[in-house]
mmCIF file of all heavy atoms, coordinates in Angstrom:
data_MODEL
# 
_entry.id   MODEL 
# 
loop_
_atom_site.group_PDB 
_atom_site.id 
_atom_site.type_symbol 
_atom_site.label_atom_id 
_atom_site.label_alt_id 
_atom_site.label_comp_id 
_atom_site.label_asym_id 
_atom_site.label_entity_id 
_atom_site.label_seq_id 
_atom_site.pdbx_PDB_ins_code 
_atom_site.Cartn_x 
_atom_site.Cartn_y 
_atom_site.Cartn_z 
_atom_site.occupancy 
_atom_site.B_iso_or_equiv 
_atom_site.pdbx_formal_charge 
_atom_site.auth_seq_id 
_atom_site.auth_comp_id 
_atom_site.auth_asym_id 
_atom_site.auth_atom_id 
_atom_site.pdbx_PDB_model_num 
ATOM 1   N N   . LEU A 1 1  ? -32.868 62.520 30.508 1.00 0.00 ? 1  LEU A N   1 
ATOM 2   C CA  . LEU A 1 1  ? -31.782 63.095 29.735 1.00 0.00 ? 1  LEU A CA  1 
ATOM 3   C C   . LEU A 1 1  ? -30.547 63.224 30.706 1.00 0.00 ? 1  LEU A C   1 
ATOM 4   O O   . LEU A 1 1  ? -30.684 63.713 31.853 1.00 0.00 ? 1  LEU A O   1 
ATOM 5   C CB  . LEU A 1 1  ? -32.077 64.528 29.237 1.00 0.00 ? 1  LEU A CB  1 
ATOM 6   C CG  . LEU A 1 1  ? -33.335 64.523 28.298 1.00 0.00 ? 1  LEU A CG  1 
ATOM 7   C CD1 . LEU A 1 1  ? -33.553 66.000 27.917 1.00 0.00 ? 1  LEU A CD1 1 
ATOM 8   C CD2 . LEU A 1 1  ? -33.083 63.784 27.063 1.00 0.00 ? 1  LEU A CD2 1 
ATOM 9   N N   . VAL A 1 2  ? -29.460 62.767 30.231 1.00 0.00 ? 2  VAL A N   1 
ATOM 10  C CA  . VAL A 1 2  ? -28.242 62.836 31.090 1.00 0.00 ? 2  VAL A CA  1 
ATOM 11  C C   . VAL A 1 2  ? -27.135 63.498 30.203 1.00 0.00 ? 2  VAL A C   1 
ATOM 12  O O   . VAL A 1 2  ? -26.741 62.959 29.173 1.00 0.00 ? 2  VAL A O   1 
ATOM 13  C CB  . VAL A 1 2  ? -27.716 61.453 31.501 1.00 0.00 ? 2  VAL A CB  1 
ATOM 14  C CG1 . VAL A 1 2  ? -26.446 61.608 32.322 1.00 0.00 ? 2  VAL A CG1 1 
ATOM 15  C CG2 . VAL A 1 2  ? -28.845 60.743 32.433 1.00 0.00 ? 2  VAL A CG2 1 
ATOM 16  N N   . GLU A 1 3  ? -26.606 64.672 30.684 1.00 0.00 ? 3  GLU A N   1 
ATOM 17  C CA  . GLU A 1 3  ? -25.529 65.345 30.041 1.00 0.00 ? 3  GLU A CA  1 
ATOM 18  C C   . GLU A 1 3  ? -24.150 64.815 30.515 1.00 0.00 ? 3  GLU A C   1 
ATOM 19  O O   . GLU A 1 3  ? -24.014 64.388 31.703 1.00 0.00 ? 3  GLU A O   1 
ATOM 20  C CB  . GLU A 1 3  ? -25.650 66.811 30.302 1.00 0.00 ? 3  GLU A CB  1 
ATOM 21  C CG  . GLU A 1 3  ? -26.915 67.446 29.853 1.00 0.00 ? 3  GLU A CG  1 
ATOM 22  C CD  . GLU A 1 3  ? -27.941 67.520 30.931 1.00 0.00 ? 3  GLU A CD  1 
ATOM 23  O OE1 . GLU A 1 3  ? -27.875 66.767 31.967 1.00 0.00 ? 3  GLU A OE1 1 
ATOM 24  O OE2 . GLU A 1 3  ? -28.852 68.402 30.894 1.00 0.00 ? 3  GLU A OE2 1 
ATOM 25  N N   . SER A 1 4  ? -23.186 64.936 29.689 1.00 0.00 ? 4  SER A N   1 
ATOM 26  C CA  . SER A 1 4  ? -21.768 64.600 30.050 1.00 0.00 ? 4  SER A CA  1 
ATOM 27  C C   . SER A 1 4  ? -20.830 65.420 29.186 1.00 0.00 ? 4  SER A C   1 
ATOM 28  O O   . SER A 1 4  ? -21.276 65.999 28.150 1.00 0.00 ? 4  SER A O   1 
ATOM 29  C CB  . SER A 1 4  ? -21.559 63.112 29.898 1.00 0.00 ? 4  SER A CB  1 
ATOM 30  O OG  . SER A 1 4  ? -21.790 62.687 28.590 1.00 0.00 ? 4  SER A OG  1 
ATOM 31  N N   . GLY A 1 5  ? -19.613 65.424 29.550 1.00 0.00 ? 5  GLY A N   1 
ATOM 32  C CA  . GLY A 1 5  ? -18.594 66.083 28.702 1.00 0.00 ? 5  GLY A CA  1 
ATOM 33  C C   . GLY A 1 5  ? -18.056 67.383 29.172 1.00 0.00 ? 5  GLY A C   1 
ATOM 34  O O   . GLY A 1 5  ? -17.201 67.975 28.616 1.00 0.00 ? 5  GLY A O   1 
ATOM 35  N N   . GLY A 1 6  ? -18.695 67.910 30.242 1.00 0.00 ? 6  GLY A N   1 
ATOM 36  C CA  . GLY A 1 6  ? -18.220 69.131 30.805 1.00 0.00 ? 6  GLY A CA  1 
ATOM 37  C C   . GLY A 1 6  ? -16.894 69.033 31.502 1.00 0.00 ? 6  GLY A C   1 
ATOM 38  O O   . GLY A 1 6  ? -16.382 67.946 31.681 1.00 0.00 ? 6  GLY A O   1 
ATOM 39  N N   . GLY A 1 7  ? -16.353 70.102 31.751 1.00 0.00 ? 7  GLY A N   1 
ATOM 40  C CA  . GLY A 1 7  ? -15.067 70.074 32.480 1.00 0.00 ? 7  GLY A CA  1 
ATOM 41  C C   . GLY A 1 7  ? -14.432 71.486 32.408 1.00 0.00 ? 7  GLY A C   1 
ATOM 42  O O   . GLY A 1 7  ? -15.008 72.526 32.115 1.00 0.00 ? 7  GLY A O   1 
ATOM 43  N N   . LEU A 1 8  ? -13.114 71.510 32.862 1.00 0.00 ? 8  LEU A N   1 
ATOM 44  C CA  . LEU A 1 8  ? -12.322 72.753 32.820 1.00 0.00 ? 8  LEU A CA  1 
ATOM 45  C C   . LEU A 1 8  ? -11.428 72.773 31.630 1.00 0.00 ? 8  LEU A C   1 
ATOM 46  O O   . LEU A 1 8  ? -10.777 71.853 31.278 1.00 0.00 ? 8  LEU A O   1 
ATOM 47  C CB  . LEU A 1 8  ? -11.445 72.740 34.081 1.00 0.00 ? 8  LEU A CB  1 
ATOM 48  C CG  . LEU A 1 8  ? -10.475 73.922 34.186 1.00 0.00 ? 8  LEU A CG  1 
ATOM 49  C CD1 . LEU A 1 8  ? -11.222 75.284 34.255 1.00 0.00 ? 8  LEU A CD1 1 
ATOM 50  C CD2 . LEU A 1 8  ? -9.559  73.714 35.386 1.00 0.00 ? 8  LEU A CD2 1 
ATOM 51  N N   . VAL A 1 9  ? -11.527 73.881 30.890 1.00 0.00 ? 9  VAL A N   1 
ATOM 52  C CA  . VAL A 1 9  ? -10.699 74.074 29.711 1.00 0.00 ? 9  VAL A CA  1 
ATOM 53  C C   . VAL A 1 9  ? -10.268 75.500 29.529 1.00 0.00 ? 9  VAL A C   1 
ATOM 54  O O   . VAL A 1 9  ? -10.868 76.357 30.101 1.00 0.00 ? 9  VAL A O   1 
ATOM 55  C CB  . VAL A 1 9  ? -11.611 73.672 28.451 1.00 0.00 ? 9  VAL A CB  1 
ATOM 56  C CG1 . VAL A 1 9  ? -12.798 74.611 28.339 1.00 0.00 ? 9  VAL A CG1 1 
ATOM 57  C CG2 . VAL A 1 9  ? -10.807 73.648 27.151 1.00 0.00 ? 9  VAL A CG2 1 
ATOM 58  N N   . GLN A 1 10 ? -9.096  75.628 28.938 1.00 0.00 ? 10 GLN A N   1 
ATOM 59  C CA  . GLN A 1 10 ? -8.550  76.963 28.760 1.00 0.00 ? 10 GLN A CA  1 
ATOM 60  C C   . GLN A 1 10 ? -9.225  77.713 27.691 1.00 0.00 ? 10 GLN A C   1 
ATOM 61  O O   . GLN A 1 10 ? -9.784  77.047 26.666 1.00 0.00 ? 10 GLN A O   1 
ATOM 62  C CB  . GLN A 1 10 ? -7.065  76.877 28.490 1.00 0.00 ? 10 GLN A CB  1 
ATOM 63  C CG  . GLN A 1 10 ? -6.163  76.532 29.713 1.00 0.00 ? 10 GLN A CG  1 
ATOM 64  C CD  . GLN A 1 10 ? -4.719  76.672 29.424 1.00 0.00 ? 10 GLN A CD  1 
ATOM 65  O OE1 . GLN A 1 10 ? -4.315  76.494 28.296 1.00 0.00 ? 10 GLN A OE1 1 
ATOM 66  N NE2 . GLN A 1 10 ? -3.988  76.969 30.447 1.00 0.00 ? 10 GLN A NE2 1 
ATOM 67  N N   . ALA A 1 11 ? -9.295  79.016 27.696 1.00 0.00 ? 11 ALA A N   1 
ATOM 68  C CA  . ALA A 1 11 ? -9.845  79.781 26.633 1.00 0.00 ? 11 ALA A CA  1 
ATOM 69  C C   . ALA A 1 11 ? -9.159  79.392 25.270 1.00 0.00 ? 11 ALA A C   1 
ATOM 70  O O   . ALA A 1 11 ? -7.949  79.163 25.261 1.00 0.00 ? 11 ALA A O   1 
ATOM 71  C CB  . ALA A 1 11 ? -9.642  81.278 26.894 1.00 0.00 ? 11 ALA A CB  1 
ATOM 72  N N   . GLY A 1 12 ? -10.039 79.287 24.303 1.00 0.00 ? 12 GLY A N   1 
ATOM 73  C CA  . GLY A 1 12 ? -9.563  78.870 22.959 1.00 0.00 ? 12 GLY A CA  1 
ATOM 74  C C   . GLY A 1 12 ? -9.626  77.409 22.726 1.00 0.00 ? 12 GLY A C   1 
ATOM 75  O O   . GLY A 1 12 ? -9.465  76.941 21.617 1.00 0.00 ? 12 GLY A O   1 
ATOM 76  N N   . GLY A 1 13 ? -9.893  76.552 23.781 1.00 0.00 ? 13 GLY A N   1 
ATOM 77  C CA  . GLY A 1 13 ? -9.949  75.182 23.684 1.00 0.00 ? 13 GLY A CA  1 
ATOM 78  C C   . GLY A 1 13 ? -11.353 74.679 23.205 1.00 0.00 ? 13 GLY A C   1 
ATOM 79  O O   . GLY A 1 13 ? -12.216 75.532 22.776 1.00 0.00 ? 13 GLY A O   1 
ATOM 80  N N   . SER A 1 14 ? -11.495 73.472 23.220 1.00 0.00 ? 14 SER A N   1 
ATOM 81  C CA  . SER A 1 14 ? -12.702 72.843 22.713 1.00 0.00 ? 14 SER A CA  1 
ATOM 82  C C   . SER A 1 14 ? -13.237 71.758 23.739 1.00 0.00 ? 14 SER A C   1 
ATOM 83  O O   . SER A 1 14 ? -12.465 71.140 24.466 1.00 0.00 ? 14 SER A O   1 
ATOM 84  C CB  . SER A 1 14 ? -12.423 72.107 21.330 1.00 0.00 ? 14 SER A CB  1 
ATOM 85  O OG  . SER A 1 14 ? -11.993 73.060 20.394 1.00 0.00 ? 14 SER A OG  1 
ATOM 86  N N   . LEU A 1 15 ? -14.512 71.597 23.662 1.00 0.00 ? 15 LEU A N   1 
ATOM 87  C CA  . LEU A 1 15 ? -15.171 70.441 24.345 1.00 0.00 ? 15 LEU A CA  1 
ATOM 88  C C   . LEU A 1 15 ? -16.260 70.021 23.473 1.00 0.00 ? 15 LEU A C   1 
ATOM 89  O O   . LEU A 1 15 ? -16.879 70.608 22.666 1.00 0.00 ? 15 LEU A O   1 
ATOM 90  C CB  . LEU A 1 15 ? -15.762 70.972 25.633 1.00 0.00 ? 15 LEU A CB  1 
ATOM 91  C CG  . LEU A 1 15 ? -14.875 71.184 26.896 1.00 0.00 ? 15 LEU A CG  1 
ATOM 92  C CD1 . LEU A 1 15 ? -15.613 71.775 28.057 1.00 0.00 ? 15 LEU A CD1 1 
ATOM 93  C CD2 . LEU A 1 15 ? -14.163 69.897 27.324 1.00 0.00 ? 15 LEU A CD2 1 
ATOM 94  N N   . ARG A 1 16 ? -16.637 68.684 23.738 1.00 0.00 ? 16 ARG A N   1 
ATOM 95  C CA  . ARG A 1 16 ? -17.866 68.171 23.189 1.00 0.00 ? 16 ARG A CA  1 
ATOM 96  C C   . ARG A 1 16 ? -18.753 67.640 24.302 1.00 0.00 ? 16 ARG A C   1 
ATOM 97  O O   . ARG A 1 16 ? -18.457 66.709 25.094 1.00 0.00 ? 16 ARG A O   1 
ATOM 98  C CB  . ARG A 1 16 ? -17.564 66.998 22.220 1.00 0.00 ? 16 ARG A CB  1 
ATOM 99  C CG  . ARG A 1 16 ? -18.823 66.539 21.474 1.00 0.00 ? 16 ARG A CG  1 
ATOM 100 C CD  . ARG A 1 16 ? -18.582 65.249 20.661 1.00 0.00 ? 16 ARG A CD  1 
ATOM 101 N NE  . ARG A 1 16 ? -18.510 64.080 21.387 1.00 0.00 ? 16 ARG A NE  1 
ATOM 102 C CZ  . ARG A 1 16 ? -18.513 62.865 20.946 1.00 0.00 ? 16 ARG A CZ  1 
ATOM 103 N NH1 . ARG A 1 16 ? -18.700 62.641 19.676 1.00 0.00 ? 16 ARG A NH1 1 
ATOM 104 N NH2 . ARG A 1 16 ? -18.386 61.804 21.705 1.00 0.00 ? 16 ARG A NH2 1 
ATOM 105 N N   . LEU A 1 17 ? -19.915 68.218 24.337 1.00 0.00 ? 17 LEU A N   1 
ATOM 106 C CA  . LEU A 1 17 ? -20.999 67.775 25.297 1.00 0.00 ? 17 LEU A CA  1 
ATOM 107 C C   . LEU A 1 17 ? -21.851 66.729 24.638 1.00 0.00 ? 17 LEU A C   1 
ATOM 108 O O   . LEU A 1 17 ? -22.120 66.852 23.457 1.00 0.00 ? 17 LEU A O   1 
ATOM 109 C CB  . LEU A 1 17 ? -21.768 68.995 25.715 1.00 0.00 ? 17 LEU A CB  1 
ATOM 110 C CG  . LEU A 1 17 ? -21.075 70.119 26.357 1.00 0.00 ? 17 LEU A CG  1 
ATOM 111 C CD1 . LEU A 1 17 ? -22.016 71.176 26.882 1.00 0.00 ? 17 LEU A CD1 1 
ATOM 112 C CD2 . LEU A 1 17 ? -20.156 69.721 27.528 1.00 0.00 ? 17 LEU A CD2 1 
ATOM 113 N N   . SER A 1 18 ? -22.306 65.830 25.435 1.00 0.00 ? 18 SER A N   1 
ATOM 114 C CA  . SER A 1 18 ? -23.239 64.783 24.969 1.00 0.00 ? 18 SER A CA  1 
ATOM 115 C C   . SER A 1 18 ? -24.450 64.771 25.887 1.00 0.00 ? 18 SER A C   1 
ATOM 116 O O   . SER A 1 18 ? -24.334 65.050 27.118 1.00 0.00 ? 18 SER A O   1 
ATOM 117 C CB  . SER A 1 18 ? -22.606 63.429 24.993 1.00 0.00 ? 18 SER A CB  1 
ATOM 118 O OG  . SER A 1 18 ? -21.453 63.361 24.188 1.00 0.00 ? 18 SER A OG  1 
ATOM 119 N N   . CYS A 1 19 ? -25.550 64.504 25.324 1.00 0.00 ? 19 CYS A N   1 
ATOM 120 C CA  . CYS A 1 19 ? -26.837 64.365 26.098 1.00 0.00 ? 19 CYS A CA  1 
ATOM 121 C C   . CYS A 1 19 ? -27.442 63.002 25.560 1.00 0.00 ? 19 CYS A C   1 
ATOM 122 O O   . CYS A 1 19 ? -27.822 62.936 24.390 1.00 0.00 ? 19 CYS A O   1 
ATOM 123 C CB  . CYS A 1 19 ? -27.749 65.482 25.790 1.00 0.00 ? 19 CYS A CB  1 
ATOM 124 S SG  . CYS A 1 19 ? -29.404 65.289 26.446 1.00 0.00 ? 19 CYS A SG  1 
ATOM 125 N N   . THR A 1 20 ? -27.559 62.112 26.531 1.00 0.00 ? 20 THR A N   1 
ATOM 126 C CA  . THR A 1 20 ? -28.146 60.739 26.123 1.00 0.00 ? 20 THR A CA  1 
ATOM 127 C C   . THR A 1 20 ? -29.436 60.501 26.820 1.00 0.00 ? 20 THR A C   1 
ATOM 128 O O   . THR A 1 20 ? -29.612 60.855 27.992 1.00 0.00 ? 20 THR A O   1 
ATOM 129 C CB  . THR A 1 20 ? -27.104 59.653 26.496 1.00 0.00 ? 20 THR A CB  1 
ATOM 130 O OG1 . THR A 1 20 ? -25.902 59.905 25.837 1.00 0.00 ? 20 THR A OG1 1 
ATOM 131 C CG2 . THR A 1 20 ? -27.671 58.291 26.195 1.00 0.00 ? 20 THR A CG2 1 
ATOM 132 N N   . ALA A 1 21 ? -30.347 60.052 26.051 1.00 0.00 ? 21 ALA A N   1 
ATOM 133 C CA  . ALA A 1 21 ? -31.736 59.878 26.555 1.00 0.00 ? 21 ALA A CA  1 
ATOM 134 C C   . ALA A 1 21 ? -32.063 58.414 26.846 1.00 0.00 ? 21 ALA A C   1 
ATOM 135 O O   . ALA A 1 21 ? -31.484 57.508 26.167 1.00 0.00 ? 21 ALA A O   1 
ATOM 136 C CB  . ALA A 1 21 ? -32.725 60.359 25.503 1.00 0.00 ? 21 ALA A CB  1 
ATOM 137 N N   . SER A 1 22 ? -32.877 58.237 27.832 1.00 0.00 ? 22 SER A N   1 
ATOM 138 C CA  . SER A 1 22 ? -33.389 56.873 28.119 1.00 0.00 ? 22 SER A CA  1 
ATOM 139 C C   . SER A 1 22 ? -34.871 57.019 28.315 1.00 0.00 ? 22 SER A C   1 
ATOM 140 O O   . SER A 1 22 ? -35.445 58.116 28.544 1.00 0.00 ? 22 SER A O   1 
ATOM 141 C CB  . SER A 1 22 ? -32.723 56.293 29.266 1.00 0.00 ? 22 SER A CB  1 
ATOM 142 O OG  . SER A 1 22 ? -33.014 57.142 30.505 1.00 0.00 ? 22 SER A OG  1 
ATOM 143 N N   . GLY A 1 23 ? -35.541 55.899 28.124 1.00 0.00 ? 23 GLY A N   1 
ATOM 144 C CA  . GLY A 1 23 ? -36.992 55.828 28.321 1.00 0.00 ? 23 GLY A CA  1 
ATOM 145 C C   . GLY A 1 23 ? -37.848 56.060 27.056 1.00 0.00 ? 23 GLY A C   1 
ATOM 146 O O   . GLY A 1 23 ? -38.939 55.616 27.043 1.00 0.00 ? 23 GLY A O   1 
ATOM 147 N N   . ARG A 1 24 ? -37.194 56.671 26.123 1.00 0.00 ? 24 ARG A N   1 
ATOM 148 C CA  . ARG A 1 24 ? -37.977 56.960 24.844 1.00 0.00 ? 24 ARG A CA  1 
ATOM 149 C C   . ARG A 1 24 ? -36.935 57.386 23.739 1.00 0.00 ? 24 ARG A C   1 
ATOM 150 O O   . ARG A 1 24 ? -36.036 58.063 24.098 1.00 0.00 ? 24 ARG A O   1 
ATOM 151 C CB  . ARG A 1 24 ? -39.062 58.023 25.058 1.00 0.00 ? 24 ARG A CB  1 
ATOM 152 C CG  . ARG A 1 24 ? -39.869 58.316 23.843 1.00 0.00 ? 24 ARG A CG  1 
ATOM 153 C CD  . ARG A 1 24 ? -40.887 59.370 24.142 1.00 0.00 ? 24 ARG A CD  1 
ATOM 154 N NE  . ARG A 1 24 ? -42.043 58.838 24.916 1.00 0.00 ? 24 ARG A NE  1 
ATOM 155 C CZ  . ARG A 1 24 ? -43.072 59.554 25.315 1.00 0.00 ? 24 ARG A CZ  1 
ATOM 156 N NH1 . ARG A 1 24 ? -43.034 60.871 25.089 1.00 0.00 ? 24 ARG A NH1 1 
ATOM 157 N NH2 . ARG A 1 24 ? -44.054 59.001 25.906 1.00 0.00 ? 24 ARG A NH2 1 
ATOM 158 N N   . THR A 1 25 ? -37.317 57.130 22.620 1.00 0.00 ? 25 THR A N   1 
ATOM 159 C CA  . THR A 1 25 ? -36.432 57.659 21.498 1.00 0.00 ? 25 THR A CA  1 
ATOM 160 C C   . THR A 1 25 ? -36.540 59.193 21.454 1.00 0.00 ? 25 THR A C   1 
ATOM 161 O O   . THR A 1 25 ? -37.500 59.767 21.812 1.00 0.00 ? 25 THR A O   1 
ATOM 162 C CB  . THR A 1 25 ? -36.939 57.118 20.132 1.00 0.00 ? 25 THR A CB  1 
ATOM 163 O OG1 . THR A 1 25 ? -36.145 57.779 19.112 1.00 0.00 ? 25 THR A OG1 1 
ATOM 164 C CG2 . THR A 1 25 ? -38.393 57.417 19.834 1.00 0.00 ? 25 THR A CG2 1 
ATOM 165 N N   . ILE A 1 26 ? -35.427 59.788 21.017 1.00 0.00 ? 26 ILE A N   1 
ATOM 166 C CA  . ILE A 1 26 ? -35.437 61.227 20.887 1.00 0.00 ? 26 ILE A CA  1 
ATOM 167 C C   . ILE A 1 26 ? -35.947 61.721 19.531 1.00 0.00 ? 26 ILE A C   1 
ATOM 168 O O   . ILE A 1 26 ? -36.043 62.924 19.275 1.00 0.00 ? 26 ILE A O   1 
ATOM 169 C CB  . ILE A 1 26 ? -34.099 61.849 21.169 1.00 0.00 ? 26 ILE A CB  1 
ATOM 170 C CG1 . ILE A 1 26 ? -33.063 61.407 20.137 1.00 0.00 ? 26 ILE A CG1 1 
ATOM 171 C CG2 . ILE A 1 26 ? -33.561 61.541 22.628 1.00 0.00 ? 26 ILE A CG2 1 
ATOM 172 C CD1 . ILE A 1 26 ? -31.727 62.155 20.199 1.00 0.00 ? 26 ILE A CD1 1 
ATOM 173 N N   . SER A 1 27 ? -36.297 60.733 18.715 1.00 0.00 ? 27 SER A N   1 
ATOM 174 C CA  . SER A 1 27 ? -36.724 61.013 17.324 1.00 0.00 ? 27 SER A CA  1 
ATOM 175 C C   . SER A 1 27 ? -37.790 62.031 17.252 1.00 0.00 ? 27 SER A C   1 
ATOM 176 O O   . SER A 1 27 ? -38.014 62.703 16.251 1.00 0.00 ? 27 SER A O   1 
ATOM 177 C CB  . SER A 1 27 ? -37.055 59.783 16.565 1.00 0.00 ? 27 SER A CB  1 
ATOM 178 O OG  . SER A 1 27 ? -35.928 58.882 16.513 1.00 0.00 ? 27 SER A OG  1 
ATOM 179 N N   . TRP A 1 28 ? -38.667 62.011 18.276 1.00 0.00 ? 28 TRP A N   1 
ATOM 180 C CA  . TRP A 1 28 ? -39.869 62.844 18.204 1.00 0.00 ? 28 TRP A CA  1 
ATOM 181 C C   . TRP A 1 28 ? -39.582 64.267 18.600 1.00 0.00 ? 28 TRP A C   1 
ATOM 182 O O   . TRP A 1 28 ? -40.495 65.197 18.455 1.00 0.00 ? 28 TRP A O   1 
ATOM 183 C CB  . TRP A 1 28 ? -40.908 62.300 19.266 1.00 0.00 ? 28 TRP A CB  1 
ATOM 184 C CG  . TRP A 1 28 ? -41.514 61.021 18.881 1.00 0.00 ? 28 TRP A CG  1 
ATOM 185 C CD1 . TRP A 1 28 ? -41.226 60.200 17.791 1.00 0.00 ? 28 TRP A CD1 1 
ATOM 186 C CD2 . TRP A 1 28 ? -42.434 60.263 19.601 1.00 0.00 ? 28 TRP A CD2 1 
ATOM 187 N NE1 . TRP A 1 28 ? -41.930 59.137 17.787 1.00 0.00 ? 28 TRP A NE1 1 
ATOM 188 C CE2 . TRP A 1 28 ? -42.711 59.106 18.954 1.00 0.00 ? 28 TRP A CE2 1 
ATOM 189 C CE3 . TRP A 1 28 ? -43.052 60.497 20.891 1.00 0.00 ? 28 TRP A CE3 1 
ATOM 190 C CZ2 . TRP A 1 28 ? -43.556 58.091 19.385 1.00 0.00 ? 28 TRP A CZ2 1 
ATOM 191 C CZ3 . TRP A 1 28 ? -43.990 59.552 21.330 1.00 0.00 ? 28 TRP A CZ3 1 
ATOM 192 C CH2 . TRP A 1 28 ? -44.194 58.344 20.595 1.00 0.00 ? 28 TRP A CH2 1 
ATOM 193 N N   . TYR A 1 29 ? -38.378 64.484 19.156 1.00 0.00 ? 29 TYR A N   1 
ATOM 194 C CA  . TYR A 1 29 ? -38.182 65.872 19.818 1.00 0.00 ? 29 TYR A CA  1 
ATOM 195 C C   . TYR A 1 29 ? -37.234 66.735 19.141 1.00 0.00 ? 29 TYR A C   1 
ATOM 196 O O   . TYR A 1 29 ? -36.288 66.366 18.504 1.00 0.00 ? 29 TYR A O   1 
ATOM 197 C CB  . TYR A 1 29 ? -37.533 65.590 21.245 1.00 0.00 ? 29 TYR A CB  1 
ATOM 198 C CG  . TYR A 1 29 ? -38.419 64.800 22.163 1.00 0.00 ? 29 TYR A CG  1 
ATOM 199 C CD1 . TYR A 1 29 ? -38.199 63.407 22.372 1.00 0.00 ? 29 TYR A CD1 1 
ATOM 200 C CD2 . TYR A 1 29 ? -39.463 65.351 22.900 1.00 0.00 ? 29 TYR A CD2 1 
ATOM 201 C CE1 . TYR A 1 29 ? -38.935 62.665 23.204 1.00 0.00 ? 29 TYR A CE1 1 
ATOM 202 C CE2 . TYR A 1 29 ? -40.275 64.592 23.717 1.00 0.00 ? 29 TYR A CE2 1 
ATOM 203 C CZ  . TYR A 1 29 ? -39.980 63.258 23.918 1.00 0.00 ? 29 TYR A CZ  1 
ATOM 204 O OH  . TYR A 1 29 ? -40.803 62.528 24.761 1.00 0.00 ? 29 TYR A OH  1 
# 
C-alpha cells in the first residue's frame, strides 16, 4: 500500500488522500 495526497493546508481547507495497492486486488479487503 502506498499513500499519497498529504501536505500542508490551512484550517477549513480540504485534502484528498489516496492509497494505491499493488501485488493484489483490494477487492478482498
